[in-house]
Amino acid sequence: MVMCLRALGWSPVHALLGGIGSGAVEMIGGILAGILLQSLHGILPLLLSFAGGAMMTSVFVELLESDQGMAKRVASAQFGLGFALLPALQTLTG
């Protein structure tokens, strides 16, 4: 971070303070996320399932929007097979 700021023309002191500030923001964000995680412990599986569903939906939408002919059909079939395989694996593993 400091080297990037130096390359942008920042003075050494300002670049160093910018790097320290960047690390401090990450530390504060980690602490806040930990506190939030403890308070949301009961509904965390639900939130994670929504996040996973959103990721799968965005992948499928991108897959449908791609224009690749036969490869598109194969990829859609593979996605559907994987989507059907997930509940089966969940049932088998408990």
Protein backbone atom coordinates (compact mmCIF):
# COMPACT_ATOMS: atom_id res chain seq x y z
CA MET A 1 0.00 0.00 0.00
CA VAL A 2 2.76 2.40 0.92
CA MET A 3 4.62 1.79 -2.32
CA CYS A 4 1.44 2.38 -4.34
CA LEU A 5 0.85 5.68 -2.57
CA ARG A 6 4.49 6.65 -3.11
CA ALA A 7 4.10 5.86 -6.83
CA LEU A 8 1.11 8.21 -6.88
CA GLY A 9 3.35 10.99 -5.60
CA TRP A 10 2.51 10.99 -1.90
CA SER A 11 5.23 12.01 0.52
CA PRO A 12 6.87 9.18 2.53
CA VAL A 13 5.17 10.24 5.76
CA HIS A 14 1.72 10.53 4.20
CA ALA A 15 2.16 7.21 2.39
CA LEU A 16 3.17 5.52 5.67
CA LEU A 17 0.18 7.00 7.48
CA GLY A 18 -2.08 5.88 4.64
CA GLY A 19 -0.74 2.33 4.95
CA ILE A 20 -1.22 2.31 8.70
CA GLY A 21 -4.73 3.70 8.28
CA SER A 22 -5.54 0.98 5.78
CA GLY A 23 -4.49 -1.70 8.26
CA ALA A 24 -6.42 -0.04 11.08
CA VAL A 25 -9.62 -0.07 9.03
CA GLU A 26 -9.21 -3.81 8.44
CA MET A 27 -8.68 -4.46 12.14
CA ILE A 28 -11.71 -2.42 13.15
CA GLY A 29 -13.82 -4.15 10.50
CA GLY A 30 -12.70 -7.57 11.78
CA ILE A 31 -13.63 -6.69 15.36
CA LEU A 32 -17.04 -5.38 14.30
CA ALA A 33 -17.65 -8.48 12.18
CA GLY A 34 -16.78 -10.70 15.16
CA ILE A 35 -19.21 -8.84 17.41
CA LEU A 36 -21.92 -9.01 14.75
CA LEU A 37 -21.27 -12.71 14.23
CA GLN A 38 -21.83 -13.43 17.93
CA SER A 39 -25.13 -11.56 17.95
CA LEU A 40 -26.37 -13.28 14.76
CA HIS A 41 -25.28 -16.78 15.75
CA GLY A 42 -28.84 -18.16 15.67
CA ILE A 43 -29.70 -17.02 12.16
CA LEU A 44 -26.25 -17.41 10.63
CA PRO A 45 -27.14 -20.63 8.71
CA LEU A 46 -30.09 -18.83 7.12
CA LEU A 47 -27.94 -15.87 6.12
CA LEU A 48 -25.28 -18.16 4.67
CA SER A 49 -27.90 -20.06 2.68
CA PHE A 50 -29.16 -16.80 1.20
CA ALA A 51 -25.59 -15.85 0.26
CA GLY A 52 -25.02 -19.24 -1.37
CA GLY A 53 -28.30 -18.99 -3.26
CA ALA A 54 -27.37 -15.54 -4.51
CA MET A 55 -24.01 -16.82 -5.76
CA MET A 56 -25.61 -19.78 -7.53
CA THR A 57 -28.23 -17.52 -9.10
CA SER A 58 -25.64 -15.10 -10.42
CA VAL A 59 -23.61 -17.98 -11.90
CA PHE A 60 -26.69 -19.43 -13.57
CA VAL A 61 -27.75 -16.05 -14.98
CA GLU A 62 -24.26 -15.52 -16.42
CA LEU A 63 -24.40 -19.04 -17.85
CA LEU A 64 -27.73 -18.35 -19.54
CA GLU A 65 -26.53 -15.04 -20.94
CA SER A 66 -23.43 -16.58 -22.50
CA ASP A 67 -23.79 -17.29 -26.21
CA GLN A 68 -21.81 -20.48 -26.83
CA GLY A 69 -24.27 -22.84 -28.56
CA MET A 70 -23.64 -26.48 -27.67
CA ALA A 71 -21.25 -25.57 -24.85
CA LYS A 72 -24.07 -23.56 -23.27
CA ARG A 73 -26.35 -26.61 -23.23
CA VAL A 74 -23.65 -28.82 -21.75
CA ALA A 75 -22.82 -26.23 -19.10
CA SER A 76 -26.53 -25.84 -18.24
CA ALA A 77 -26.89 -29.61 -17.90
CA GLN A 78 -23.81 -29.78 -15.67
CA PHE A 79 -25.17 -26.96 -13.52
CA GLY A 80 -28.51 -28.76 -13.18
CA LEU A 81 -26.78 -32.02 -12.27
CA GLY A 82 -24.68 -30.27 -9.64
CA PHE A 83 -27.74 -28.48 -8.29
CA ALA A 84 -29.58 -31.81 -7.94
CA LEU A 85 -26.53 -33.48 -6.43
CA LEU A 86 -26.27 -30.99 -3.56
CA PRO A 87 -29.39 -32.17 -1.67
CA ALA A 88 -28.41 -35.81 -2.23
CA LEU A 89 -24.96 -35.22 -0.72
CA GLN A 90 -26.49 -33.28 2.16
CA THR A 91 -28.84 -36.20 2.89
CA LEU A 92 -26.03 -38.75 2.69
CA THR A 93 -23.63 -36.85 4.92
CA GLY A 94 -26.25 -35.84 7.47
